Amino acid sequence: MIETARLQIRPLAPADAPFVVSLLNDPAFLRYIGDRGVRSDEDAVRYIDTGPAASHARHGFGLDAVADRESQQAMGICGLLQREELDAPDLGFAFLPTFRRRGFAYEAAAAVLADASERLRIRRVLAIVQPDNTPSIALLERLAFRFERMTRPPRSGTDLRLYARTG
């Protein structure tokens, strides 16, 4: 678990299923990240088990819940993913509409990147983003990511911008 001034970043748990259903069906998530086919709490538990939890077991990192430190209310997800087609872990993040544009994504991502560097000794982190996802691109640039090239991951079927951060 990682804590910041306002946030707690912790592994997703089955109790997070209603939150996961809401987040993964948010129109912005569907548009910019994709449809994960999660429509029920049961689907969400399966998603957590086969995605974030499996990634933690296999790689020592994965997507985590980002919650308000005081209320424990989940507001988004943030973490590292290891995609077969990429040569380094990539940063992922998504927040419910209510929690966007309030600095939470930056705070969570900066903490995840610090943990990746300090605890996991990961020196290079990537990020892939839709070319028209201006808010996410601005956040990545604020986090010192730099555009490297366009890429087309096998599952996306579309060209994405690939960013990298070393350090």
Protein backbone atom coordinates (compact mmCIF):
# COMPACT_ATOMS: atom_id res chain seq x y z
CA MET A 1 0.00 0.00 0.00
CA ILE A 2 1.14 3.52 -0.83
CA GLU A 3 -0.10 6.61 0.98
CA THR A 4 0.10 10.24 -0.02
CA ALA A 5 -1.23 13.37 1.66
CA ARG A 6 -4.75 12.71 0.37
CA LEU A 7 -4.73 9.20 -1.05
CA GLN A 8 -4.36 5.55 -0.25
CA ILE A 9 -3.27 3.34 -3.14
CA ARG A 10 -4.06 -0.28 -2.35
CA PRO A 11 -4.76 -3.56 -4.14
CA LEU A 12 -8.23 -3.94 -5.58
CA ALA A 13 -10.41 -6.36 -3.60
CA PRO A 14 -13.71 -8.14 -4.29
CA ALA A 15 -15.44 -5.51 -2.13
CA ASP A 16 -14.46 -2.96 -4.82
CA ALA A 17 -16.66 -4.69 -7.41
CA PRO A 18 -19.43 -2.01 -7.55
CA PHE A 19 -16.79 0.69 -7.96
CA VAL A 20 -15.04 -1.30 -10.71
CA VAL A 21 -18.34 -1.74 -12.59
CA SER A 22 -18.94 2.03 -12.44
CA LEU A 23 -15.41 2.96 -13.52
CA LEU A 24 -15.08 0.44 -16.34
CA ASN A 25 -18.43 1.51 -17.80
CA ASP A 26 -17.76 5.24 -17.59
CA PRO A 27 -18.03 6.74 -21.11
CA ALA A 28 -14.49 8.17 -20.94
CA PHE A 29 -13.07 4.79 -19.88
CA LEU A 30 -14.88 3.07 -22.72
CA ARG A 31 -13.71 5.68 -25.24
CA TYR A 32 -10.08 6.05 -24.23
CA ILE A 33 -9.23 2.67 -22.70
CA GLY A 34 -11.75 0.20 -24.05
CA ASP A 35 -14.60 -2.08 -23.13
CA ARG A 36 -13.51 -4.75 -20.67
CA GLY A 37 -16.92 -6.47 -20.72
CA VAL A 38 -17.50 -5.83 -17.01
CA ARG A 39 -21.24 -5.38 -16.45
CA SER A 40 -21.89 -6.98 -13.05
CA ASP A 41 -20.22 -7.36 -9.67
CA GLU A 42 -19.38 -10.96 -10.65
CA ASP A 43 -17.67 -9.71 -13.82
CA ALA A 44 -15.76 -7.15 -11.74
CA VAL A 45 -14.50 -9.77 -9.28
CA ARG A 46 -13.35 -11.91 -12.24
CA TYR A 47 -11.64 -8.83 -13.77
CA ILE A 48 -9.83 -8.12 -10.47
CA ASP A 49 -8.73 -11.75 -10.09
CA THR A 50 -7.52 -12.28 -13.66
CA GLY A 51 -6.13 -8.77 -14.19
CA PRO A 52 -4.78 -6.67 -11.31
CA ALA A 53 -4.44 -9.49 -8.74
CA ALA A 54 -2.79 -11.84 -11.26
CA SER A 55 -0.40 -9.05 -12.30
CA HIS A 56 0.60 -8.45 -8.68
CA ALA A 57 1.27 -12.17 -8.21
CA ARG A 58 3.26 -12.46 -11.45
CA HIS A 59 5.16 -9.15 -11.57
CA GLY A 60 4.94 -7.57 -8.11
CA PHE A 61 2.84 -4.69 -9.48
CA GLY A 62 -0.51 -4.04 -11.10
CA LEU A 63 -3.44 -1.66 -11.18
CA ASP A 64 -4.53 -0.61 -7.70
CA ALA A 65 -7.50 1.19 -6.22
CA VAL A 66 -6.96 4.86 -5.44
CA ALA A 67 -9.06 5.84 -2.44
CA ASP A 68 -9.57 8.92 -0.33
CA ARG A 69 -7.27 8.49 2.65
CA GLU A 70 -9.90 9.58 5.18
CA SER A 71 -13.17 8.18 3.84
CA GLN A 72 -11.61 5.16 2.06
CA GLN A 73 -13.93 5.87 -0.90
CA ALA A 74 -12.47 4.49 -4.12
CA MET A 75 -12.15 7.18 -6.77
CA GLY A 76 -9.97 5.62 -9.44
CA ILE A 77 -7.28 3.15 -10.36
CA CYS A 78 -3.58 3.65 -10.96
CA GLY A 79 -0.62 1.35 -11.32
CA LEU A 80 1.77 -0.41 -13.61
CA LEU A 81 0.93 -3.03 -16.20
CA GLN A 82 3.26 -5.39 -18.04
CA ARG A 83 2.05 -5.84 -21.60
CA GLU A 84 3.63 -8.55 -23.76
CA GLU A 85 4.13 -6.15 -26.66
CA LEU A 86 6.00 -3.52 -24.60
CA ASP A 87 9.60 -3.78 -23.38
CA ALA A 88 8.91 -2.05 -20.05
CA PRO A 89 5.97 -1.68 -17.65
CA ASP A 90 3.44 0.98 -18.53
CA LEU A 91 1.54 3.38 -16.32
CA GLY A 92 -2.23 3.15 -16.31
CA PHE A 93 -4.77 5.36 -14.58
CA ALA A 94 -8.49 6.13 -14.71
CA PHE A 95 -10.77 8.08 -12.38
CA LEU A 96 -14.50 8.49 -11.98
CA PRO A 97 -15.77 11.81 -13.37
CA THR A 98 -16.32 13.35 -9.92
CA PHE A 99 -12.62 12.99 -9.12
CA ARG A 100 -11.12 14.27 -12.36
CA ARG A 101 -9.33 17.63 -12.66
CA ARG A 102 -8.60 17.78 -8.94
CA GLY A 103 -5.00 16.60 -8.95
CA PHE A 104 -5.74 13.07 -7.76
CA ALA A 105 -4.42 11.35 -10.90
CA TYR A 106 -1.16 13.30 -10.71
CA GLU A 107 -0.75 12.59 -7.00
CA ALA A 108 -1.45 8.86 -7.46
CA ALA A 109 0.71 8.49 -10.58
CA ALA A 110 3.65 10.34 -8.99
CA ALA A 111 3.45 8.03 -5.96
CA VAL A 112 3.25 4.91 -8.15
CA LEU A 113 6.26 6.07 -10.16
CA ALA A 114 8.25 6.79 -7.00
CA ASP A 115 7.42 3.30 -5.69
CA ALA A 116 8.41 1.77 -9.03
CA SER A 117 11.78 3.48 -8.86
CA GLU A 118 12.52 3.01 -5.16
CA ARG A 119 11.01 -0.35 -4.26
CA LEU A 120 10.88 -2.16 -7.60
CA ARG A 121 14.04 -0.56 -9.10
CA ILE A 122 12.23 0.02 -12.40
CA ARG A 123 14.09 2.69 -14.35
CA ARG A 124 11.99 2.93 -17.52
CA VAL A 125 8.21 3.25 -17.53
CA LEU A 126 6.04 3.61 -20.61
CA ALA A 127 2.53 4.91 -21.18
CA ILE A 128 0.21 4.45 -24.13
CA VAL A 129 -2.58 6.88 -24.85
CA GLN A 130 -5.17 7.69 -27.50
CA PRO A 131 -3.92 10.59 -29.65
CA ASP A 132 -6.98 12.71 -28.79
CA ASN A 133 -6.86 12.12 -25.01
CA THR A 134 -5.50 15.59 -24.27
CA PRO A 135 -5.94 15.49 -20.45
CA SER A 136 -3.99 12.23 -20.12
CA ILE A 137 -1.26 13.46 -22.48
CA ALA A 138 -0.90 16.64 -20.41
CA LEU A 139 -0.65 14.57 -17.21
CA LEU A 140 2.00 12.31 -18.71
CA GLU A 141 4.06 15.30 -19.82
CA ARG A 142 3.72 16.85 -16.35
CA LEU A 143 5.10 13.57 -14.96
CA ALA A 144 8.17 13.90 -17.25
CA PHE A 145 7.06 11.36 -19.85
CA ARG A 146 8.23 12.16 -23.38
CA PHE A 147 6.63 11.11 -26.64
CA GLU A 148 8.64 8.39 -28.39
CA ARG A 149 6.54 7.07 -31.27
CA MET A 150 3.21 5.85 -32.50
CA THR A 151 2.40 2.20 -31.86
CA ARG A 152 -0.44 -0.21 -32.59
CA PRO A 153 -0.81 -2.80 -29.83
CA PRO A 154 -2.37 -6.07 -31.06
CA ARG A 155 -5.56 -5.74 -29.00
CA SER A 156 -6.22 -2.07 -29.70
CA GLY A 157 -6.65 -2.07 -33.46
CA THR A 158 -5.80 1.64 -33.45
CA ASP A 159 -2.67 3.77 -33.37
CA LEU A 160 -1.68 5.00 -29.92
CA ARG A 161 0.95 7.46 -28.72
CA LEU A 162 3.76 5.81 -26.78
CA TYR A 163 5.44 7.86 -24.07
CA ALA A 164 8.46 6.94 -21.95
CA ARG A 165 10.02 8.14 -18.74
CA THR A 166 13.48 7.12 -17.60
CA GLY A 167 14.92 7.78 -14.22
